[in-house]
Amino acid sequence: MLYGGGFGVLLFFTGGDMMFGQNAMTPYFAGPTSNWNEWTSRAFGGQLIALASGYFFGGKDASTATGKFYCKSNTVGLGLMIPLLVYGAFSGDSSFNATMWKIQIPVHLAVTYSSFKAGFGGSDKKA
């Protein structure tokens, strides 16, 4: 919830450039942003906030059906981001700060695995 939701709040309210642009404390991008980048960042931030809000609508307890659904939804969302992280890290595109993306990949994989285990793992499956 904090991983995606926190990132989403920052994107939604700052448009990404202030927190993640070329002169930011955590510079994921090496160049200036455009109005299109700002809009896309805010839209993506809103979607991350929406996904993270599932925690407050019954996702707190991963042992319940609602909690498992929340974890499964997060796993799908997190999994879809993995190719984008890899692209930012290894594409060679000069607009990406490859070091930041390379640092992000193991963190993201750990959160994705944790969500996967909570949503899909467990002993409640029938053979």
N, C-alpha and C. Protein backbone atom coordinates (compact mmCIF):
# COMPACT_ATOMS: atom_id res chain seq x y z
N MET A 1 0.82 -1.18 0.00
CA MET A 1 0.00 0.00 0.00
C MET A 1 0.87 1.25 0.00
N LEU A 2 1.88 1.29 0.86
CA LEU A 2 2.75 2.47 0.91
C LEU A 2 3.65 2.58 -0.31
N TYR A 3 4.09 1.45 -0.83
CA TYR A 3 5.00 1.44 -1.97
C TYR A 3 4.35 2.10 -3.19
N GLY A 4 3.23 1.56 -3.62
CA GLY A 4 2.54 2.11 -4.79
C GLY A 4 1.77 3.37 -4.47
N GLY A 5 1.11 3.40 -3.32
CA GLY A 5 0.31 4.56 -2.95
C GLY A 5 1.16 5.79 -2.70
N GLY A 6 2.28 5.62 -2.03
CA GLY A 6 3.17 6.76 -1.77
C GLY A 6 3.73 7.33 -3.05
N PHE A 7 4.15 6.45 -3.95
CA PHE A 7 4.65 6.88 -5.25
C PHE A 7 3.53 7.57 -6.02
N GLY A 8 2.33 7.01 -5.95
CA GLY A 8 1.19 7.58 -6.65
C GLY A 8 0.85 8.98 -6.17
N VAL A 9 0.86 9.18 -4.87
CA VAL A 9 0.56 10.50 -4.31
C VAL A 9 1.58 11.52 -4.81
N LEU A 10 2.85 11.16 -4.78
CA LEU A 10 3.89 12.08 -5.24
C LEU A 10 3.72 12.41 -6.72
N LEU A 11 3.42 11.41 -7.54
CA LEU A 11 3.21 11.67 -8.96
C LEU A 11 1.97 12.52 -9.20
N PHE A 12 0.89 12.18 -8.50
CA PHE A 12 -0.38 12.88 -8.72
C PHE A 12 -0.28 14.35 -8.35
N PHE A 13 0.34 14.65 -7.25
CA PHE A 13 0.37 16.03 -6.77
C PHE A 13 1.54 16.86 -7.30
N THR A 14 2.60 16.23 -7.78
CA THR A 14 3.74 17.01 -8.28
C THR A 14 3.94 16.86 -9.78
N GLY A 15 3.25 15.93 -10.41
CA GLY A 15 3.44 15.70 -11.83
C GLY A 15 4.72 14.96 -12.16
N GLY A 16 5.45 14.57 -11.16
CA GLY A 16 6.64 13.77 -11.38
C GLY A 16 7.94 14.55 -11.44
N ASP A 17 7.95 15.70 -12.06
CA ASP A 17 9.20 16.43 -12.26
C ASP A 17 9.82 16.88 -10.94
N MET A 18 9.01 17.37 -10.04
CA MET A 18 9.53 17.88 -8.77
C MET A 18 10.21 16.80 -7.94
N MET A 19 9.66 15.59 -7.95
CA MET A 19 10.20 14.51 -7.13
C MET A 19 11.13 13.56 -7.89
N PHE A 20 10.92 13.43 -9.20
CA PHE A 20 11.64 12.40 -9.96
C PHE A 20 12.33 12.92 -11.21
N GLY A 21 12.27 14.22 -11.48
CA GLY A 21 12.88 14.82 -12.66
C GLY A 21 14.39 14.95 -12.54
N GLN A 22 14.99 15.58 -13.52
CA GLN A 22 16.45 15.62 -13.62
C GLN A 22 17.13 16.31 -12.44
N ASN A 23 16.50 17.25 -11.80
CA ASN A 23 17.12 17.97 -10.69
C ASN A 23 16.54 17.58 -9.33
N ALA A 24 15.78 16.51 -9.28
CA ALA A 24 15.11 16.09 -8.05
C ALA A 24 16.06 15.28 -7.15
N MET A 25 15.60 15.03 -5.94
CA MET A 25 16.38 14.23 -4.99
C MET A 25 16.53 12.79 -5.48
N THR A 26 15.51 12.27 -6.14
CA THR A 26 15.54 10.92 -6.70
C THR A 26 15.33 11.03 -8.22
N PRO A 27 16.38 11.36 -8.96
CA PRO A 27 16.23 11.64 -10.40
C PRO A 27 16.16 10.39 -11.27
N TYR A 28 14.95 9.96 -11.57
CA TYR A 28 14.77 8.80 -12.44
C TYR A 28 14.93 9.18 -13.91
N PHE A 29 14.78 10.46 -14.21
CA PHE A 29 14.84 10.92 -15.59
C PHE A 29 15.94 11.96 -15.74
N ALA A 30 16.62 11.94 -16.88
CA ALA A 30 17.80 12.78 -17.08
C ALA A 30 17.50 14.08 -17.83
N GLY A 31 16.29 14.25 -18.29
CA GLY A 31 15.96 15.45 -19.05
C GLY A 31 14.72 16.14 -18.51
N PRO A 32 14.44 17.29 -19.06
CA PRO A 32 13.25 18.04 -18.61
C PRO A 32 11.96 17.34 -19.06
N THR A 33 10.90 17.58 -18.34
CA THR A 33 9.62 16.98 -18.69
C THR A 33 8.80 17.97 -19.52
N SER A 34 7.83 17.43 -20.23
CA SER A 34 6.92 18.25 -21.03
C SER A 34 5.54 18.24 -20.38
N ASN A 35 4.61 18.99 -20.94
CA ASN A 35 3.23 18.97 -20.44
C ASN A 35 2.66 17.57 -20.55
N TRP A 36 2.99 16.85 -21.62
CA TRP A 36 2.51 15.48 -21.80
C TRP A 36 3.06 14.57 -20.69
N ASN A 37 4.34 14.71 -20.36
CA ASN A 37 4.93 13.92 -19.27
C ASN A 37 4.24 14.21 -17.95
N GLU A 38 3.99 15.49 -17.70
CA GLU A 38 3.33 15.88 -16.45
C GLU A 38 1.93 15.26 -16.37
N TRP A 39 1.18 15.35 -17.46
CA TRP A 39 -0.18 14.80 -17.48
C TRP A 39 -0.15 13.30 -17.27
N THR A 40 0.74 12.62 -17.98
CA THR A 40 0.85 11.17 -17.87
C THR A 40 1.26 10.76 -16.45
N SER A 41 2.18 11.48 -15.87
CA SER A 41 2.62 11.19 -14.50
C SER A 41 1.47 11.34 -13.51
N ARG A 42 0.69 12.39 -13.65
CA ARG A 42 -0.45 12.60 -12.76
C ARG A 42 -1.52 11.52 -12.95
N ALA A 43 -1.77 11.13 -14.21
CA ALA A 43 -2.75 10.08 -14.48
C ALA A 43 -2.28 8.75 -13.89
N PHE A 44 -1.01 8.41 -14.08
CA PHE A 44 -0.46 7.19 -13.51
C PHE A 44 -0.51 7.23 -11.99
N GLY A 45 -0.19 8.38 -11.41
CA GLY A 45 -0.27 8.55 -9.96
C GLY A 45 -1.67 8.30 -9.44
N GLY A 46 -2.67 8.81 -10.15
CA GLY A 46 -4.06 8.58 -9.75
C GLY A 46 -4.42 7.11 -9.78
N GLN A 47 -3.94 6.39 -10.78
CA GLN A 47 -4.21 4.96 -10.87
C GLN A 47 -3.52 4.19 -9.75
N LEU A 48 -2.32 4.60 -9.39
CA LEU A 48 -1.62 3.95 -8.27
C LEU A 48 -2.35 4.21 -6.95
N ILE A 49 -2.85 5.42 -6.77
CA ILE A 49 -3.62 5.73 -5.56
C ILE A 49 -4.87 4.86 -5.52
N ALA A 50 -5.55 4.72 -6.66
CA ALA A 50 -6.76 3.89 -6.71
C ALA A 50 -6.45 2.44 -6.36
N LEU A 51 -5.37 1.90 -6.90
CA LEU A 51 -4.99 0.52 -6.60
C LEU A 51 -4.64 0.37 -5.12
N ALA A 52 -3.88 1.30 -4.59
CA ALA A 52 -3.48 1.24 -3.18
C ALA A 52 -4.66 1.42 -2.24
N SER A 53 -5.71 2.10 -2.68
CA SER A 53 -6.86 2.33 -1.80
C SER A 53 -7.58 1.04 -1.44
N GLY A 54 -7.35 -0.02 -2.20
CA GLY A 54 -7.95 -1.31 -1.88
C GLY A 54 -7.61 -1.78 -0.48
N TYR A 55 -6.47 -1.35 0.01
CA TYR A 55 -6.07 -1.69 1.38
C TYR A 55 -7.12 -1.21 2.38
N PHE A 56 -7.67 -0.03 2.15
CA PHE A 56 -8.65 0.55 3.07
C PHE A 56 -10.05 -0.01 2.87
N PHE A 57 -10.28 -0.72 1.77
CA PHE A 57 -11.59 -1.30 1.48
C PHE A 57 -11.61 -2.79 1.73
N GLY A 58 -10.86 -3.25 2.70
CA GLY A 58 -10.90 -4.65 3.09
C GLY A 58 -9.65 -5.43 2.78
N GLY A 59 -8.62 -4.77 2.27
CA GLY A 59 -7.41 -5.48 1.89
C GLY A 59 -6.39 -5.62 3.00
N LYS A 60 -6.71 -5.15 4.21
CA LYS A 60 -5.74 -5.17 5.31
C LYS A 60 -5.39 -6.58 5.74
N ASP A 61 -6.35 -7.49 5.68
CA ASP A 61 -6.13 -8.85 6.14
C ASP A 61 -6.05 -9.79 4.94
N ALA A 62 -4.85 -10.24 4.62
CA ALA A 62 -4.64 -11.08 3.43
C ALA A 62 -5.27 -12.46 3.58
N SER A 63 -5.78 -12.81 4.76
CA SER A 63 -6.40 -14.12 4.92
C SER A 63 -7.87 -14.10 4.49
N THR A 64 -8.45 -12.92 4.28
CA THR A 64 -9.84 -12.84 3.83
C THR A 64 -9.89 -12.85 2.30
N ALA A 65 -11.06 -13.13 1.76
CA ALA A 65 -11.22 -13.14 0.30
C ALA A 65 -10.93 -11.76 -0.29
N THR A 66 -11.39 -10.71 0.37
CA THR A 66 -11.15 -9.36 -0.11
C THR A 66 -9.66 -9.03 -0.05
N GLY A 67 -9.02 -9.43 1.04
CA GLY A 67 -7.59 -9.19 1.18
C GLY A 67 -6.78 -9.91 0.12
N LYS A 68 -7.16 -11.15 -0.16
CA LYS A 68 -6.46 -11.91 -1.21
C LYS A 68 -6.67 -11.26 -2.57
N PHE A 69 -7.89 -10.79 -2.83
CA PHE A 69 -8.17 -10.12 -4.10
C PHE A 69 -7.31 -8.86 -4.23
N TYR A 70 -7.19 -8.12 -3.15
CA TYR A 70 -6.35 -6.91 -3.15
C TYR A 70 -4.91 -7.26 -3.47
N CYS A 71 -4.39 -8.30 -2.83
CA CYS A 71 -3.00 -8.71 -3.08
C CYS A 71 -2.81 -9.21 -4.51
N LYS A 72 -3.80 -9.93 -5.03
CA LYS A 72 -3.72 -10.40 -6.41
C LYS A 72 -3.74 -9.23 -7.39
N SER A 73 -4.60 -8.25 -7.15
CA SER A 73 -4.66 -7.06 -8.01
C SER A 73 -3.33 -6.31 -7.98
N ASN A 74 -2.76 -6.18 -6.78
CA ASN A 74 -1.46 -5.52 -6.67
C ASN A 74 -0.39 -6.29 -7.42
N THR A 75 -0.43 -7.61 -7.34
CA THR A 75 0.56 -8.43 -8.04
C THR A 75 0.49 -8.19 -9.54
N VAL A 76 -0.71 -8.12 -10.08
CA VAL A 76 -0.86 -7.86 -11.52
C VAL A 76 -0.30 -6.49 -11.86
N GLY A 77 -0.70 -5.47 -11.10
CA GLY A 77 -0.20 -4.12 -11.36
C GLY A 77 1.31 -4.02 -11.24
N LEU A 78 1.86 -4.61 -10.20
CA LEU A 78 3.31 -4.59 -10.00
C LEU A 78 4.02 -5.37 -11.09
N GLY A 79 3.46 -6.51 -11.47
CA GLY A 79 4.07 -7.32 -12.52
C GLY A 79 4.12 -6.62 -13.86
N LEU A 80 3.08 -5.85 -14.17
CA LEU A 80 3.06 -5.12 -15.43
C LEU A 80 4.11 -4.02 -15.48
N MET A 81 4.58 -3.58 -14.35
CA MET A 81 5.60 -2.54 -14.30
C MET A 81 7.01 -3.08 -14.52
N ILE A 82 7.23 -4.36 -14.31
CA ILE A 82 8.58 -4.92 -14.39
C ILE A 82 9.25 -4.67 -15.75
N PRO A 83 8.57 -4.90 -16.89
CA PRO A 83 9.24 -4.61 -18.16
C PRO A 83 9.62 -3.13 -18.32
N LEU A 84 8.81 -2.24 -17.75
CA LEU A 84 9.12 -0.81 -17.84
C LEU A 84 10.34 -0.46 -17.01
N LEU A 85 10.47 -1.09 -15.85
CA LEU A 85 11.65 -0.86 -15.03
C LEU A 85 12.90 -1.36 -15.74
N VAL A 86 12.80 -2.54 -16.34
CA VAL A 86 13.93 -3.11 -17.07
C VAL A 86 14.31 -2.20 -18.24
N TYR A 87 13.31 -1.67 -18.93
CA TYR A 87 13.59 -0.76 -20.04
C TYR A 87 14.35 0.48 -19.54
N GLY A 88 13.87 1.08 -18.46
CA GLY A 88 14.55 2.25 -17.91
C GLY A 88 15.98 1.96 -17.49
N ALA A 89 16.23 0.76 -17.02
CA ALA A 89 17.56 0.39 -16.53
C ALA A 89 18.53 0.00 -17.63
N PHE A 90 18.03 -0.66 -18.67
CA PHE A 90 18.95 -1.28 -19.63
C PHE A 90 18.77 -0.87 -21.09
N SER A 91 17.88 0.04 -21.39
CA SER A 91 17.63 0.40 -22.80
C SER A 91 18.75 1.23 -23.41
N GLY A 92 19.50 1.93 -22.58
CA GLY A 92 20.53 2.81 -23.10
C GLY A 92 19.98 4.17 -23.50
N ASP A 93 18.68 4.39 -23.32
CA ASP A 93 18.05 5.67 -23.64
C ASP A 93 18.58 6.72 -22.66
N SER A 94 19.14 7.78 -23.18
CA SER A 94 19.77 8.79 -22.33
C SER A 94 18.78 9.59 -21.49
N SER A 95 17.49 9.48 -21.75
CA SER A 95 16.51 10.21 -20.94
C SER A 95 16.21 9.51 -19.61
N PHE A 96 16.71 8.28 -19.45
CA PHE A 96 16.53 7.54 -18.20
C PHE A 96 17.83 7.56 -17.40
N ASN A 97 17.71 7.74 -16.10
CA ASN A 97 18.86 7.61 -15.21
C ASN A 97 18.96 6.12 -14.86
N ALA A 98 19.74 5.38 -15.62
CA ALA A 98 19.79 3.92 -15.52
C ALA A 98 20.12 3.43 -14.11
N THR A 99 20.97 4.13 -13.40
CA THR A 99 21.35 3.71 -12.05
C THR A 99 20.14 3.67 -11.12
N MET A 100 19.30 4.68 -11.18
CA MET A 100 18.10 4.71 -10.33
C MET A 100 17.18 3.55 -10.65
N TRP A 101 17.01 3.27 -11.94
CA TRP A 101 16.13 2.18 -12.34
C TRP A 101 16.70 0.82 -11.92
N LYS A 102 18.03 0.67 -12.00
CA LYS A 102 18.66 -0.58 -11.57
C LYS A 102 18.51 -0.79 -10.07
N ILE A 103 18.55 0.28 -9.30
CA ILE A 103 18.32 0.18 -7.86
C ILE A 103 16.87 -0.19 -7.57
N GLN A 104 15.96 0.35 -8.37
CA GLN A 104 14.52 0.12 -8.16
C GLN A 104 14.10 -1.32 -8.44
N ILE A 105 14.75 -1.98 -9.37
CA ILE A 105 14.31 -3.33 -9.78
C ILE A 105 14.28 -4.33 -8.61
N PRO A 106 15.34 -4.51 -7.82
CA PRO A 106 15.25 -5.49 -6.73
C PRO A 106 14.20 -5.12 -5.67
N VAL A 107 14.06 -3.84 -5.40
CA VAL A 107 13.03 -3.40 -4.44
C VAL A 107 11.66 -3.77 -4.98
N HIS A 108 11.43 -3.46 -6.24
CA HIS A 108 10.14 -3.74 -6.86
C HIS A 108 9.85 -5.25 -6.91
N LEU A 109 10.87 -6.03 -7.24
CA LEU A 109 10.68 -7.49 -7.27
C LEU A 109 10.34 -8.05 -5.89
N ALA A 110 10.96 -7.51 -4.85
CA ALA A 110 10.65 -7.96 -3.48
C ALA A 110 9.21 -7.64 -3.10
N VAL A 111 8.75 -6.44 -3.43
CA VAL A 111 7.37 -6.06 -3.12
C VAL A 111 6.40 -6.90 -3.95
N THR A 112 6.73 -7.14 -5.22
CA THR A 112 5.87 -7.96 -6.08
C THR A 112 5.77 -9.38 -5.54
N TYR A 113 6.88 -9.95 -5.13
CA TYR A 113 6.89 -11.31 -4.58
C TYR A 113 6.07 -11.37 -3.29
N SER A 114 6.23 -10.39 -2.44
CA SER A 114 5.48 -10.35 -1.19
C SER A 114 3.97 -10.31 -1.45
N SER A 115 3.57 -9.49 -2.39
CA SER A 115 2.15 -9.39 -2.73
C SER A 115 1.66 -10.70 -3.37
N PHE A 116 2.50 -11.30 -4.21
CA PHE A 116 2.15 -12.57 -4.83
C PHE A 116 1.93 -13.66 -3.78
N LYS A 117 2.87 -13.77 -2.84
CA LYS A 117 2.75 -14.79 -1.79
C LYS A 117 1.49 -14.59 -0.95
N ALA A 118 1.18 -13.34 -0.62
CA ALA A 118 0.00 -13.05 0.19
C ALA A 118 -1.29 -13.33 -0.58
N GLY A 119 -1.29 -13.09 -1.88
CA GLY A 119 -2.51 -13.27 -2.66
C GLY A 119 -2.71 -14.66 -3.21
N PHE A 120 -1.64 -15.27 -3.67
CA PHE A 120 -1.76 -16.56 -4.35
C PHE A 120 -1.22 -17.73 -3.53
N GLY A 121 -0.37 -17.45 -2.55
CA GLY A 121 0.20 -18.51 -1.72
C GLY A 121 -0.74 -18.88 -0.59
N GLY A 122 -0.32 -19.80 0.19
CA GLY A 122 -1.12 -20.16 1.36
C GLY A 122 -1.63 -21.57 1.30
N SER A 123 -2.23 -22.00 2.40
CA SER A 123 -2.68 -23.38 2.52
C SER A 123 -4.17 -23.52 2.28
N ASP A 124 -4.85 -22.47 1.79
CA ASP A 124 -6.30 -22.57 1.60
C ASP A 124 -6.68 -23.13 0.24
N LYS A 125 -5.71 -23.54 -0.57
CA LYS A 125 -6.00 -24.09 -1.89
C LYS A 125 -6.33 -25.57 -1.76
N LYS A 126 -7.31 -25.99 -2.55
CA LYS A 126 -7.71 -27.40 -2.54
C LYS A 126 -7.03 -28.11 -3.68
N ALA A 127 -6.63 -29.34 -3.43
CA ALA A 127 -5.95 -30.14 -4.46
C ALA A 127 -6.92 -30.67 -5.47
